[in-house]
Amino acid sequence: MTQRAAENLEPLSTSRPHDALFMAHPAPSLLFDRQYLVVAANTAACTLFRCKASELEGFDMVTFFPELGSSLRATRQVTSMQSVAVHRPDGSNFVARLQIVAPGGDAPMLAAIEDMTAHEAEIAAANKEFETFTSAAGHDLRGPLRILKGFTEALDDECGAALNEEGKSFLKEIVKAADRMEGLIDGLLQLSRATRVEMASEKLDLSTLAELVTYDLRHGKSAREVECVVDADIEGWGDVRLITSALRILLGNAWKYTSRTERGAIRFHTEVRDGQRWYCVSDNGAGFDMSHASRLFQPFIRLHRQDEFPGYGIGLATVQRIVKRHGGDIEAESAVNQGTTIRFWLPPRPADR
């Protein structure tokens, strides 16, 4: 913990109207100075943090908002965040929406804290119900689909010779649509598993995992001459099954989107930005227009036509869920015909969720 001497603190005076208003304000609030040390905590904040003001005042804000640590230490700047994990002096944690107001000059910054624990619980319950429904629906749809494909194949075997070219074309379209439906169901189940499967965090050799995935790609059905580079000694913490699945999707996408590039190249590497290490999958493939980047991680959203690059639009949504479950984040950088880099970061030792 970073704490300054108590005599350097300037306590609030209840004789000043604005100080009394701050203390009585119902929203839990903290005041920070320009060194990001707590100057004051109002009564509501003390109640939320389950402690006395003296246990908050004088401490670095990173003590209570660990997620601000990397960017704050690197840039000495902080911006408002929608949702953060908050650490109490007694060691407990909760999720909050943090809003920071930073006036100019030497005036202290105001941090308003909204406890999101109940809200997060409601969202988690709703998500669990939805995921249960998705899983059940996916499994239930498999039966009728298999029957449809079976009778279509039987019709082709038994009556194919009696069909004209147009009839045979119709059968092919039915089989093609059934195969696509099967792929969509598989994608839904994969998306569901990314959220529902139990997690067990351990130290991972990500370089080795990426090498195994690229080996499968080079020796798979769509084997091509692609330069695959995996940087050595890349490690991280996470669930081996989920992280392997994420790498399989990301590297598989890179493989797919370089299929029309004369000399395809894929690289798994790391970058450090603002003190945060990012894991990166880069390629020199088709790329996409960054004006559509906000849609990239939404299920069933695709930025390329099916006849250009086949797929179901579920892979990146699945990766995002995996990364978020680990407590990390993911982003993309791309340019049309100039390749794509997908970056994600993971906490050093994420808690099981």
Protein backbone atom coordinates (compact mmCIF):
# COMPACT_ATOMS: atom_id res chain seq x y z
CA MET A 1 0.00 0.00 0.00
CA THR A 2 1.10 3.56 -0.71
CA GLN A 3 0.27 5.95 2.09
CA ARG A 4 1.42 9.46 2.83
CA ALA A 5 2.02 10.96 6.26
CA ALA A 6 -1.13 11.86 8.14
CA GLU A 7 0.08 15.39 8.79
CA ASN A 8 0.12 16.09 5.03
CA LEU A 9 -3.63 15.44 4.75
CA GLU A 10 -5.98 18.38 4.74
CA PRO A 11 -9.13 17.17 6.52
CA LEU A 12 -12.53 18.41 5.47
CA SER A 13 -14.14 21.02 7.62
CA THR A 14 -17.83 20.61 8.38
CA SER A 15 -17.97 24.37 8.89
CA ARG A 16 -17.69 24.82 5.13
CA PRO A 17 -21.06 24.15 3.43
CA HIS A 18 -19.59 22.23 0.47
CA ASP A 19 -17.65 19.93 2.83
CA ALA A 20 -20.77 19.17 4.84
CA LEU A 21 -22.67 18.51 1.59
CA PHE A 22 -19.98 16.06 0.45
CA MET A 23 -20.11 14.17 3.74
CA ALA A 24 -23.92 13.96 3.70
CA HIS A 25 -24.24 13.06 0.00
CA PRO A 26 -26.03 9.68 -0.29
CA ALA A 27 -23.80 8.41 -3.09
CA PRO A 28 -20.57 6.74 -1.85
CA SER A 29 -17.81 9.14 -2.89
CA LEU A 30 -14.06 9.61 -2.47
CA LEU A 31 -11.87 12.62 -3.09
CA PHE A 32 -8.40 12.06 -4.58
CA ASP A 33 -5.57 14.54 -4.87
CA ARG A 34 -3.32 14.86 -7.92
CA GLN A 35 -1.05 12.14 -6.57
CA TYR A 36 -4.06 9.78 -6.58
CA LEU A 37 -4.18 9.53 -2.80
CA VAL A 38 -7.51 9.58 -0.97
CA VAL A 39 -8.13 12.97 0.64
CA ALA A 40 -11.60 12.27 2.02
CA ALA A 41 -14.32 9.62 2.15
CA ASN A 42 -17.93 10.52 2.83
CA THR A 43 -20.19 8.64 5.22
CA ALA A 44 -21.81 6.57 2.45
CA ALA A 45 -18.38 5.47 1.19
CA CYS A 46 -17.35 4.37 4.69
CA THR A 47 -20.54 2.31 4.92
CA LEU A 48 -19.89 0.72 1.52
CA PHE A 49 -16.25 -0.02 2.34
CA ARG A 50 -17.18 -1.24 5.84
CA CYS A 51 -14.51 0.81 7.52
CA LYS A 52 -13.64 4.14 9.08
CA ALA A 53 -12.54 7.10 6.98
CA SER A 54 -9.05 6.80 8.46
CA GLU A 55 -8.70 3.38 6.78
CA LEU A 56 -9.25 4.99 3.37
CA GLU A 57 -7.65 8.41 3.62
CA GLY A 58 -4.02 8.65 2.58
CA PHE A 59 -3.95 5.47 0.51
CA ASP A 60 -3.26 5.23 -3.23
CA MET A 61 -6.46 4.69 -5.24
CA VAL A 62 -4.93 1.54 -6.79
CA THR A 63 -5.19 -0.01 -3.32
CA PHE A 64 -8.97 0.01 -3.67
CA PHE A 65 -9.28 -0.14 -7.50
CA PRO A 66 -6.58 -2.63 -8.62
CA GLU A 67 -7.75 -2.59 -12.25
CA LEU A 68 -6.53 0.99 -12.56
CA GLY A 69 -3.02 -0.07 -11.64
CA SER A 70 -1.31 -0.67 -14.99
CA SER A 71 -2.61 2.42 -16.79
CA LEU A 72 -2.24 4.65 -13.75
CA ARG A 73 1.34 3.68 -13.06
CA ALA A 74 2.29 4.07 -16.72
CA THR A 75 0.49 7.33 -17.56
CA ARG A 76 -0.49 8.84 -14.19
CA GLN A 77 -3.90 9.42 -15.71
CA VAL A 78 -7.26 7.88 -14.98
CA THR A 79 -10.55 7.92 -16.83
CA SER A 80 -14.06 6.88 -15.90
CA MET A 81 -14.72 3.15 -16.09
CA GLN A 82 -18.07 1.44 -16.44
CA SER A 83 -17.41 -1.49 -14.16
CA VAL A 84 -14.49 -2.29 -11.86
CA ALA A 85 -13.62 -4.65 -9.04
CA VAL A 86 -13.24 -2.83 -5.71
CA HIS A 87 -11.07 -4.06 -2.85
CA ARG A 88 -12.11 -3.27 0.74
CA PRO A 89 -9.64 -2.80 3.61
CA ASP A 90 -11.01 -5.98 5.23
CA GLY A 91 -9.98 -8.02 2.17
CA SER A 92 -13.44 -8.49 0.66
CA ASN A 93 -14.30 -7.38 -2.88
CA PHE A 94 -17.31 -6.14 -4.78
CA VAL A 95 -18.15 -4.92 -8.27
CA ALA A 96 -18.95 -1.24 -8.76
CA ARG A 97 -19.55 1.32 -11.45
CA LEU A 98 -16.91 3.98 -10.99
CA GLN A 99 -17.32 7.52 -12.31
CA ILE A 100 -14.51 10.02 -11.91
CA VAL A 101 -14.76 13.79 -12.25
CA ALA A 102 -11.41 15.52 -12.70
CA PRO A 103 -11.65 19.34 -12.65
CA GLY A 104 -8.71 21.41 -13.79
CA GLY A 105 -5.92 22.83 -11.73
CA ASP A 106 -5.01 21.39 -8.36
CA ALA A 107 -8.59 20.69 -7.32
CA PRO A 108 -9.16 17.14 -6.03
CA MET A 109 -10.84 14.53 -8.19
CA LEU A 110 -14.21 13.09 -7.21
CA ALA A 111 -14.90 9.37 -7.54
CA ALA A 112 -18.55 8.30 -7.27
CA ILE A 113 -18.98 4.60 -6.56
CA GLU A 114 -22.15 2.64 -7.30
CA ASP A 115 -22.33 -0.86 -5.82
CA MET A 116 -23.29 -3.24 -8.62
CA THR A 117 -23.33 -6.44 -6.58
CA ALA A 118 -27.08 -6.96 -6.73
CA HIS A 119 -27.20 -5.91 -10.36
CA GLU A 120 -24.37 -8.26 -11.28
CA ALA A 121 -26.15 -11.12 -9.49
CA GLU A 122 -29.32 -10.45 -11.49
CA ILE A 123 -27.37 -10.37 -14.74
CA ALA A 124 -25.54 -13.58 -13.83
CA ALA A 125 -28.82 -15.33 -13.07
CA ALA A 126 -30.37 -14.14 -16.34
CA ASN A 127 -27.29 -15.19 -18.31
CA LYS A 128 -27.29 -18.60 -16.66
CA GLU A 129 -30.95 -19.10 -17.52
CA PHE A 130 -30.30 -18.04 -21.12
CA GLU A 131 -27.27 -20.30 -21.44
CA THR A 132 -29.27 -23.24 -20.06
CA PHE A 133 -31.98 -22.56 -22.63
CA THR A 134 -29.41 -22.23 -25.45
CA SER A 135 -27.76 -25.52 -24.52
CA ALA A 136 -31.07 -27.38 -24.28
CA ALA A 137 -32.36 -25.88 -27.53
CA GLY A 138 -29.15 -26.76 -29.35
CA HIS A 139 -29.26 -30.38 -28.25
CA ASP A 140 -33.00 -30.67 -29.02
CA LEU A 141 -32.53 -29.30 -32.54
CA ARG A 142 -29.93 -31.91 -33.41
CA GLY A 143 -32.50 -34.76 -33.51
CA PRO A 144 -34.86 -33.32 -36.17
CA LEU A 145 -31.89 -32.08 -38.18
CA ARG A 146 -30.31 -35.53 -38.30
CA ILE A 147 -33.65 -36.98 -39.47
CA LEU A 148 -33.90 -34.33 -42.18
CA LYS A 149 -30.38 -35.05 -43.43
CA GLY A 150 -30.94 -38.81 -43.24
CA PHE A 151 -34.11 -38.76 -45.35
CA THR A 152 -32.50 -36.36 -47.83
CA GLU A 153 -29.55 -38.69 -48.31
CA ALA A 154 -31.91 -41.67 -48.57
CA LEU A 155 -33.96 -39.83 -51.19
CA ASP A 156 -30.81 -39.18 -53.19
CA ASP A 157 -29.70 -42.82 -52.94
CA GLU A 158 -33.08 -44.38 -53.75
CA CYS A 159 -34.57 -41.89 -56.18
CA GLY A 160 -31.62 -39.85 -57.38
CA ALA A 161 -31.52 -41.57 -60.76
CA ALA A 162 -35.15 -40.62 -61.41
CA LEU A 163 -34.60 -36.94 -60.68
CA ASN A 164 -33.75 -34.43 -63.38
CA GLU A 165 -30.89 -31.98 -62.96
CA GLU A 166 -33.12 -29.40 -61.31
CA GLY A 167 -34.34 -31.96 -58.74
CA LYS A 168 -30.76 -33.00 -57.97
CA SER A 169 -29.87 -29.35 -57.52
CA PHE A 170 -32.72 -28.97 -55.03
CA LEU A 171 -31.42 -31.93 -53.01
CA LYS A 172 -27.92 -30.46 -52.92
CA GLU A 173 -29.31 -27.15 -51.62
CA ILE A 174 -31.24 -28.98 -48.89
CA VAL A 175 -28.09 -30.82 -47.78
CA LYS A 176 -26.08 -27.59 -47.89
CA ALA A 177 -28.66 -25.77 -45.76
CA ALA A 178 -28.78 -28.68 -43.29
CA ASP A 179 -24.99 -28.65 -43.00
CA ARG A 180 -25.05 -24.92 -42.32
CA MET A 181 -27.78 -25.39 -39.70
CA GLU A 182 -25.65 -28.08 -38.06
CA GLY A 183 -22.72 -25.69 -37.98
CA LEU A 184 -24.83 -22.98 -36.36
CA ILE A 185 -26.02 -25.42 -33.68
CA ASP A 186 -22.44 -26.50 -33.01
CA GLY A 187 -21.50 -22.83 -32.69
CA LEU A 188 -24.32 -22.16 -30.24
CA LEU A 189 -23.23 -25.09 -28.08
CA GLN A 190 -19.61 -23.93 -28.22
CA LEU A 191 -20.70 -20.43 -27.15
CA SER A 192 -22.74 -21.94 -24.33
CA ARG A 193 -19.87 -24.14 -23.11
CA ALA A 194 -17.55 -21.13 -22.98
CA THR A 195 -19.81 -19.66 -20.29
CA ARG A 196 -21.03 -22.77 -18.48
CA VAL A 197 -17.94 -24.98 -18.20
CA GLU A 198 -16.17 -25.08 -14.84
CA MET A 199 -12.85 -23.24 -14.78
CA ALA A 200 -9.57 -24.34 -13.18
CA SER A 201 -6.83 -21.72 -13.38
CA GLU A 202 -3.21 -22.81 -13.79
CA LYS A 203 0.04 -21.51 -15.25
CA LEU A 204 0.05 -22.12 -19.02
CA ASP A 205 2.77 -22.39 -21.64
CA LEU A 206 0.90 -20.44 -24.30
CA SER A 207 3.71 -20.81 -26.84
CA THR A 208 3.38 -24.60 -26.74
CA LEU A 209 -0.41 -24.44 -26.97
CA ALA A 210 -0.16 -22.14 -30.01
CA GLU A 211 2.44 -24.45 -31.61
CA LEU A 212 0.07 -27.40 -31.23
CA VAL A 213 -2.76 -25.45 -32.86
CA THR A 214 -0.61 -24.29 -35.80
CA TYR A 215 0.65 -27.86 -36.27
CA ASP A 216 -2.95 -29.05 -36.64
CA LEU A 217 -3.66 -26.24 -39.11
CA ARG A 218 -0.61 -27.07 -41.26
CA HIS A 219 -1.59 -30.75 -41.38
CA GLY A 220 -5.36 -30.34 -41.63
CA LYS A 221 -7.79 -30.60 -44.52
CA SER A 222 -6.94 -27.12 -45.81
CA ALA A 223 -3.18 -27.56 -45.58
CA ARG A 224 -1.39 -24.60 -47.20
CA GLU A 225 2.04 -23.03 -47.23
CA VAL A 226 1.65 -20.39 -44.53
CA GLU A 227 4.43 -18.85 -42.48
CA CYS A 228 3.46 -19.53 -38.86
CA VAL A 229 5.63 -17.89 -36.21
CA VAL A 230 5.07 -18.49 -32.50
CA ASP A 231 7.26 -16.43 -30.20
CA ALA A 232 8.98 -18.44 -27.47
CA ASP A 233 8.38 -18.40 -23.72
CA ILE A 234 4.91 -16.85 -23.73
CA GLU A 235 3.17 -17.77 -20.49
CA GLY A 236 -0.06 -16.87 -18.74
CA TRP A 237 -2.65 -18.02 -16.25
CA GLY A 238 -5.97 -19.57 -17.21
CA ASP A 239 -8.07 -22.64 -17.83
CA VAL A 240 -6.15 -24.82 -20.28
CA ARG A 241 -9.25 -26.08 -22.11
CA LEU A 242 -10.81 -22.64 -22.57
CA ILE A 243 -7.59 -20.87 -23.51
CA THR A 244 -6.71 -23.63 -25.99
CA SER A 245 -10.18 -23.24 -27.51
CA ALA A 246 -9.63 -19.47 -27.78
CA LEU A 247 -6.25 -19.94 -29.48
CA ARG A 248 -7.73 -22.52 -31.83
CA ILE A 249 -10.41 -20.02 -32.91
CA LEU A 250 -8.04 -17.05 -33.25
CA LEU A 251 -5.32 -18.92 -35.13
CA GLY A 252 -7.96 -20.73 -37.20
CA ASN A 253 -9.44 -17.39 -38.21
CA ALA A 254 -6.00 -16.09 -39.15
CA TRP A 255 -5.47 -19.23 -41.25
CA LYS A 256 -8.84 -18.78 -42.96
CA TYR A 257 -8.50 -15.09 -43.71
CA THR A 258 -5.06 -15.53 -45.28
CA SER A 259 -6.38 -18.15 -47.73
CA ARG A 260 -6.53 -15.56 -50.54
CA THR A 261 -3.18 -14.01 -49.68
CA GLU A 262 -0.30 -15.06 -51.93
CA ARG A 263 2.15 -15.59 -49.07
CA GLY A 264 0.14 -15.97 -45.88
CA ALA A 265 1.79 -15.17 -42.58
CA ILE A 266 0.54 -15.70 -39.02
CA ARG A 267 2.25 -14.77 -35.77
CA PHE A 268 1.49 -15.34 -32.09
CA HIS A 269 3.35 -12.82 -29.96
CA THR A 270 2.99 -10.34 -27.10
CA GLU A 271 2.91 -6.55 -26.80
CA VAL A 272 3.19 -4.30 -23.76
CA ARG A 273 1.08 -1.16 -23.75
CA ASP A 274 0.57 1.14 -20.75
CA GLY A 275 2.18 -1.49 -18.56
CA GLN A 276 -0.27 -4.20 -19.66
CA ARG A 277 0.92 -7.29 -21.56
CA TRP A 278 -1.32 -8.30 -24.46
CA TYR A 279 -1.33 -11.66 -26.25
CA CYS A 280 -1.61 -11.10 -30.00
CA VAL A 281 -2.56 -13.15 -33.05
CA SER A 282 -1.56 -11.27 -36.20
CA ASP A 283 -2.00 -12.11 -39.88
CA ASN A 284 -1.53 -10.46 -43.27
CA GLY A 285 -4.89 -11.58 -44.63
CA ALA A 286 -8.09 -9.95 -45.83
CA GLY A 287 -8.57 -7.64 -42.86
CA PHE A 288 -11.72 -5.55 -42.38
CA ASP A 289 -12.92 -1.97 -42.11
CA MET A 290 -12.39 -0.72 -38.54
CA SER A 291 -15.64 1.23 -38.72
CA HIS A 292 -17.32 -2.16 -38.15
CA ALA A 293 -15.06 -3.17 -35.24
CA SER A 294 -17.80 -2.65 -32.62
CA ARG A 295 -19.79 -5.50 -34.21
CA LEU A 296 -16.89 -7.92 -34.45
CA PHE A 297 -17.50 -9.78 -31.17
CA GLN A 298 -21.28 -10.03 -31.50
CA PRO A 299 -22.68 -13.54 -32.14
CA PHE A 300 -23.69 -14.32 -35.75
CA ILE A 301 -22.17 -11.08 -37.08
CA ARG A 302 -19.83 -11.56 -40.02
CA LEU A 303 -17.86 -8.87 -41.87
CA HIS A 304 -17.24 -10.99 -44.99
CA ARG A 305 -19.60 -12.77 -47.37
CA GLN A 306 -20.12 -16.50 -47.00
CA ASP A 307 -18.79 -17.14 -50.50
CA GLU A 308 -15.56 -15.28 -49.62
CA PHE A 309 -14.79 -16.89 -46.27
CA PRO A 310 -17.22 -19.48 -44.85
CA GLY A 311 -18.18 -19.32 -41.20
CA TYR A 312 -20.97 -18.77 -38.70
CA GLY A 313 -19.95 -15.60 -36.87
CA ILE A 314 -19.65 -17.28 -33.47
CA GLY A 315 -15.90 -17.80 -33.03
CA LEU A 316 -14.86 -14.33 -31.85
CA ALA A 317 -17.94 -14.03 -29.64
CA THR A 318 -16.84 -17.27 -27.98
CA VAL A 319 -13.28 -15.99 -27.52
CA GLN A 320 -14.57 -12.79 -25.96
CA ARG A 321 -16.61 -14.77 -23.43
CA ILE A 322 -13.60 -16.90 -22.56
CA VAL A 323 -11.37 -13.86 -22.05
CA LYS A 324 -14.03 -12.02 -20.03
CA ARG A 325 -14.55 -15.06 -17.79
CA HIS A 326 -10.85 -14.92 -16.97
CA GLY A 327 -11.19 -11.25 -16.05
CA GLY A 328 -9.38 -9.94 -19.14
CA ASP A 329 -10.32 -7.99 -22.24
CA ILE A 330 -10.00 -8.30 -26.02
CA GLU A 331 -9.75 -5.90 -28.95
CA ALA A 332 -9.02 -5.91 -32.68
CA GLU A 333 -6.97 -3.81 -35.08
CA SER A 334 -7.26 -4.24 -38.83
CA ALA A 335 -7.21 -2.67 -42.28
CA VAL A 336 -8.76 -3.97 -45.49
CA ASN A 337 -6.30 -6.22 -47.37
CA GLN A 338 -3.58 -5.40 -44.81
CA GLY A 339 -4.25 -8.02 -42.15
CA THR A 340 -5.64 -8.17 -38.64
CA THR A 341 -4.32 -8.33 -35.10
CA ILE A 342 -6.54 -9.65 -32.32
CA ARG A 343 -5.20 -8.77 -28.86
CA PHE A 344 -6.30 -10.02 -25.45
CA TRP A 345 -4.92 -9.82 -21.93
CA LEU A 346 -5.38 -12.05 -18.92
CA PRO A 347 -4.87 -11.23 -15.23
CA PRO A 348 -1.67 -12.68 -13.73
CA ARG A 349 -3.63 -15.18 -11.65
CA PRO A 350 -7.35 -14.98 -12.42
CA ALA A 351 -9.84 -16.26 -9.86
CA ASP A 352 -12.05 -19.21 -10.81
CA ARG A 353 -15.49 -18.05 -11.90
